[in-house]
Protein backbone atom coordinates (compact mmCIF):
# COMPACT_ATOMS: atom_id res chain seq x y z
CA ASP A 1 17.64 12.60 51.73
CA CYS A 2 14.85 10.03 51.25
CA GLN A 3 11.88 12.38 51.34
CA ASN A 4 12.19 13.21 47.62
CA ARG A 5 12.09 9.62 46.41
CA VAL A 6 9.95 8.69 43.44
CA GLY A 7 6.22 8.64 44.27
CA SER A 8 6.61 9.82 47.86
CA LYS A 9 4.83 12.68 49.54
CA PHE A 10 6.62 15.63 51.14
CA GLY A 11 8.07 14.56 54.45
CA GLY A 12 7.87 10.83 53.62
CA GLY A 13 10.80 8.52 53.95
CA GLY A 14 12.02 5.15 52.79
CA VAL A 15 14.00 3.88 49.81
CA ALA A 16 12.38 3.72 46.37
CA GLY A 17 11.64 0.21 45.11
CA ALA A 18 12.81 -1.34 41.84
CA SER A 19 9.53 -0.66 40.04
CA GLU A 20 9.51 2.98 41.11
CA THR A 21 13.11 3.37 40.01
CA ASN A 22 12.28 1.91 36.56
CA ILE A 23 9.29 4.23 36.19
CA ASP A 24 11.44 7.22 37.04
CA ARG A 25 14.16 6.11 34.62
CA ARG A 26 11.70 5.64 31.75
CA GLU A 27 10.15 9.03 32.41
CA ARG A 28 13.54 10.74 32.31
CA LEU A 29 14.46 8.92 29.10
CA ARG A 30 11.12 9.89 27.57
CA LYS A 31 11.67 13.58 28.33
CA ILE A 32 15.17 13.47 26.90
CA ALA A 33 14.03 11.63 23.77
CA MET A 34 11.14 14.02 23.11
CA GLY A 35 13.63 16.87 22.96
CA VAL A 36 16.08 15.05 20.68
CA VAL A 37 14.23 12.51 18.48
CA ASP A 38 12.27 13.58 15.40
CA LEU A 39 9.42 11.09 14.99
CA ASN A 40 8.86 12.18 11.39
CA LYS A 41 12.19 10.56 10.49
CA ASP A 42 11.52 7.30 12.34
CA PRO A 43 10.96 4.55 9.70
CA TYR A 44 9.33 2.19 12.18
CA ILE A 45 6.56 4.39 13.60
CA LEU A 46 3.04 3.88 12.26
CA ARG A 47 -0.08 5.83 13.17
CA ASN A 48 -3.18 3.65 12.89
CA HIS A 49 -6.77 4.71 12.29
CA LEU A 50 -7.48 4.69 16.04
CA GLY A 51 -4.90 7.39 16.76
CA SER A 52 -2.49 5.00 18.46
CA LEU A 53 1.15 4.48 17.52
CA GLU A 54 2.64 1.18 16.43
CA CYS A 55 6.24 0.07 16.27
CA ARG A 56 6.60 -1.91 13.05
CA LEU A 57 9.94 -3.28 14.18
CA CYS A 58 8.78 -4.74 17.50
CA LEU A 59 5.04 -5.02 16.69
CA THR A 60 4.03 -3.12 19.81
CA LEU A 61 1.13 -0.68 20.36
CA HIS A 62 1.46 2.68 22.16
CA THR A 63 -1.13 5.22 23.23
CA ASN A 64 0.94 8.37 22.70
CA GLU A 65 4.28 9.68 21.47
CA GLY A 66 5.80 9.67 24.94
CA SER A 67 5.05 5.98 25.36
CA TYR A 68 6.53 5.22 21.93
CA LEU A 69 9.69 7.21 22.65
CA ALA A 70 10.14 5.41 25.95
CA HIS A 71 9.81 2.13 24.06
CA THR A 72 12.51 3.14 21.55
CA GLN A 73 14.96 3.64 24.41
CA GLY A 74 14.19 0.23 25.90
CA LYS A 75 16.14 -3.00 25.62
CA LYS A 76 13.68 -4.76 23.29
CA HIS A 77 13.70 -2.03 20.64
CA GLN A 78 17.46 -1.54 20.80
CA THR A 79 18.03 -5.31 20.45
CA ASN A 80 15.74 -5.48 17.41
CA LEU A 81 17.54 -2.51 15.87
CA ALA A 82 20.87 -4.30 16.25
CA ARG A 83 19.45 -7.47 14.70
CA ARG A 84 17.99 -5.55 11.77
CA ALA A 85 21.30 -3.74 11.17
CA ALA A 86 23.20 -7.04 11.23
CA ARG A 87 20.78 -8.64 8.81
CA ASP A 88 20.89 -5.69 6.41
CA MET A 89 24.68 -5.77 6.47
CA LYS A 90 24.72 -9.50 5.71
CA GLU A 91 22.25 -9.14 2.85
CA GLY A 92 24.32 -6.26 1.46
CA GLU A 93 27.43 -8.42 1.41
CA LEU A 94 25.65 -11.29 -0.35
CA GLN A 95 24.06 -9.08 -2.96
CA VAL A 96 25.98 -9.03 -6.23
CA ALA A 97 25.70 -6.06 -8.53
CA PRO A 98 23.93 -7.12 -11.75
CA LYS A 99 25.94 -6.98 -14.93
CA GLN A 100 24.95 -4.39 -17.45
CA SER A 101 23.05 -5.90 -20.33
CA THR A 102 24.92 -5.83 -23.62
CA VAL A 103 21.84 -6.79 -25.67
CA GLN A 104 20.63 -3.84 -27.69
CA ARG A 105 16.92 -3.17 -27.71
CA LYS A 106 15.28 -3.48 -31.09
CA VAL A 107 14.17 -0.20 -32.60
CA PHE A 108 11.95 -0.27 -35.67
CA LEU A 109 9.50 2.03 -37.43
CA LYS A 110 5.93 0.94 -36.76
CA ILE A 111 3.60 1.08 -39.76
CA GLY A 112 0.24 0.84 -38.00
CA ARG A 113 -2.13 -1.88 -36.90
CA PRO A 114 -2.71 -5.01 -38.98
CA GLY A 115 -6.11 -6.13 -40.20
CA TYR A 116 -7.84 -8.84 -38.19
CA ARG A 117 -11.01 -10.87 -37.82
CA VAL A 118 -12.30 -12.43 -34.59
CA THR A 119 -14.94 -15.19 -34.70
CA LYS A 120 -16.63 -16.86 -31.74
CA VAL A 121 -16.66 -20.65 -32.02
CA ARG A 122 -18.32 -23.52 -30.13
CA ASP A 123 -17.57 -27.24 -30.22
CA ARG A 124 -20.82 -29.18 -30.65
CA GLU A 125 -19.68 -32.35 -28.91
CA SER A 126 -18.09 -30.83 -25.81
CA ASN A 127 -20.05 -27.54 -25.89
CA LYS A 128 -16.77 -25.68 -25.31
CA GLU A 129 -16.67 -22.00 -26.26
CA GLY A 130 -13.72 -20.26 -27.81
CA MET A 131 -12.44 -17.80 -30.40
CA MET A 132 -10.71 -17.98 -33.76
CA VAL A 133 -8.50 -15.04 -34.70
CA GLN A 134 -7.14 -14.23 -38.17
CA ILE A 135 -4.44 -11.54 -38.50
CA HIS A 136 -3.50 -10.17 -41.93
CA LEU A 137 0.14 -9.08 -42.15
CA PRO A 138 0.98 -8.29 -45.80
CA GLN A 139 3.99 -6.10 -44.90
CA ILE A 140 5.47 -8.23 -42.14
CA LYS A 141 9.25 -8.09 -41.82
CA ALA A 142 11.13 -10.87 -43.58
CA GLY A 143 12.01 -13.74 -41.26
CA VAL A 144 9.62 -12.58 -38.52
CA ILE A 145 7.00 -14.98 -37.16
CA PRO A 146 3.99 -13.49 -35.32
CA ARG A 147 3.77 -14.11 -31.58
CA ARG A 148 0.84 -14.17 -29.18
CA ARG A 149 0.35 -14.49 -25.44
CA PHE A 150 -2.28 -13.94 -22.76
CA MET A 151 -1.88 -11.11 -20.24
CA SER A 152 -3.69 -10.56 -16.95
CA ALA A 153 -5.64 -7.37 -16.25
CA TRP A 154 -3.09 -6.33 -13.60
CA GLU A 155 -0.12 -6.77 -15.93
CA GLN A 156 -1.30 -4.25 -18.52
CA LYS A 157 -1.07 -0.47 -17.93
CA ARG A 158 -3.53 0.92 -20.49
CA GLU A 159 -6.86 0.37 -18.67
CA PRO A 160 -7.93 0.17 -15.00
CA PRO A 161 -7.54 -3.47 -13.87
CA ASN A 162 -10.75 -5.48 -14.01
CA LYS A 163 -10.72 -9.04 -12.70
CA SER A 164 -13.47 -9.99 -15.16
CA TYR A 165 -11.15 -9.64 -18.18
CA GLN A 166 -7.77 -10.71 -19.52
CA TYR A 167 -5.93 -9.67 -22.68
CA LEU A 168 -4.71 -11.48 -25.78
CA ILE A 169 -1.59 -9.82 -27.20
CA VAL A 170 -0.38 -10.31 -30.80
CA ALA A 171 2.94 -8.86 -32.01
CA ALA A 172 4.61 -8.88 -35.44
CA GLU A 173 7.24 -6.39 -36.67
CA PRO A 174 6.89 -3.78 -38.05
CA TYR A 175 3.20 -3.61 -37.13
CA GLU A 176 1.96 -2.16 -33.86
CA THR A 177 1.21 -4.69 -31.14
CA ILE A 178 -2.54 -5.26 -30.87
CA ALA A 179 -4.56 -6.53 -27.90
CA PHE A 180 -7.99 -8.11 -27.52
CA ARG A 181 -9.92 -7.94 -24.25
CA ILE A 182 -11.47 -11.33 -23.53
CA PRO A 183 -13.26 -12.90 -20.52
CA ALA A 184 -10.99 -13.92 -17.64
CA ARG A 185 -11.67 -17.63 -18.07
CA GLU A 186 -9.13 -20.45 -17.98
CA ILE A 187 -7.75 -21.39 -21.40
CA GLU A 188 -7.44 -24.98 -22.55
CA ASP A 189 -3.84 -26.16 -22.84
CA GLU A 190 -2.70 -27.17 -26.32
CA LEU A 191 -0.75 -30.08 -24.85
CA ASP A 192 -3.87 -31.46 -23.19
CA ASP A 193 -6.07 -31.54 -26.29
CA GLY A 194 -3.30 -32.39 -28.77
CA GLY A 195 -4.04 -29.30 -30.84
CA TYR A 196 -7.62 -30.36 -31.57
CA TRP A 197 -9.23 -27.29 -30.02
CA ASN A 198 -6.27 -24.98 -29.64
CA TRP A 199 -4.10 -24.50 -32.69
CA SER A 200 -2.10 -21.82 -34.51
CA HIS A 201 -0.84 -21.52 -38.10
CA TRP A 202 1.35 -18.97 -39.89
CA ASP A 203 1.11 -18.97 -43.70
CA PRO A 204 4.20 -17.18 -45.13
CA ASP A 205 2.66 -17.13 -48.61
CA THR A 206 -0.62 -15.38 -47.78
CA LYS A 207 0.92 -13.55 -44.80
CA GLN A 208 -1.95 -14.62 -42.57
CA TYR A 209 -1.60 -15.69 -38.96
CA SER A 210 -4.52 -17.79 -37.71
CA PHE A 211 -5.09 -19.39 -34.34
CA GLN A 212 -7.90 -20.72 -32.19
CA PHE A 213 -8.26 -21.17 -28.45
CA MET A 214 -10.99 -22.64 -26.29
CA PHE A 215 -12.11 -21.78 -22.78
CA ARG A 216 -11.99 -24.55 -20.22
CA GLN A 217 -15.39 -25.51 -18.89
CA SER A 218 -16.01 -24.95 -15.18
CA PHE A 219 -17.89 -27.68 -13.37
């Protein structure tokens, strides 16, 4: 019976072509998939701001759910699924479980913040700007040397990130770690200036930690 072929009118005849057969097959697969597949559990579907659907696995765009479901039953999507599964399996075999750390985390009673003084400095010859910081640590733990480092605004978790600032962190047990918010300008390297502009000194007798750093000039 050829009168009920795909796309034909009642009473028509002839054999359906390849394109008509493919259209009919995709439509049947779409109807089956819509009754079986739950799109909410599909990790590769993405709804964009235009209301269209995207397949993140194949990087294809679809106008509606039926079109997306028909795509998921196609050869391209199924091939990419097989490739992704093979790659995930290979990466899982190569991944080695990390060893549990045996280093115990230091736990100590904090006694509060240390006293400090911050002074803005400027080099007359080069006109470089910088800061000198003095930290007073009269009750510092024996054998402990104060440490300092610079931290970006996105690394810290205390304040909303602001690209205009960075943070200078100073730590010394058993005092609380203190931080200074400074302009997000490039710091001169101690190795470049030989310690002339940037220097640090810890005096174990007076228990004072002093250091200076200069901002690099932008041309």
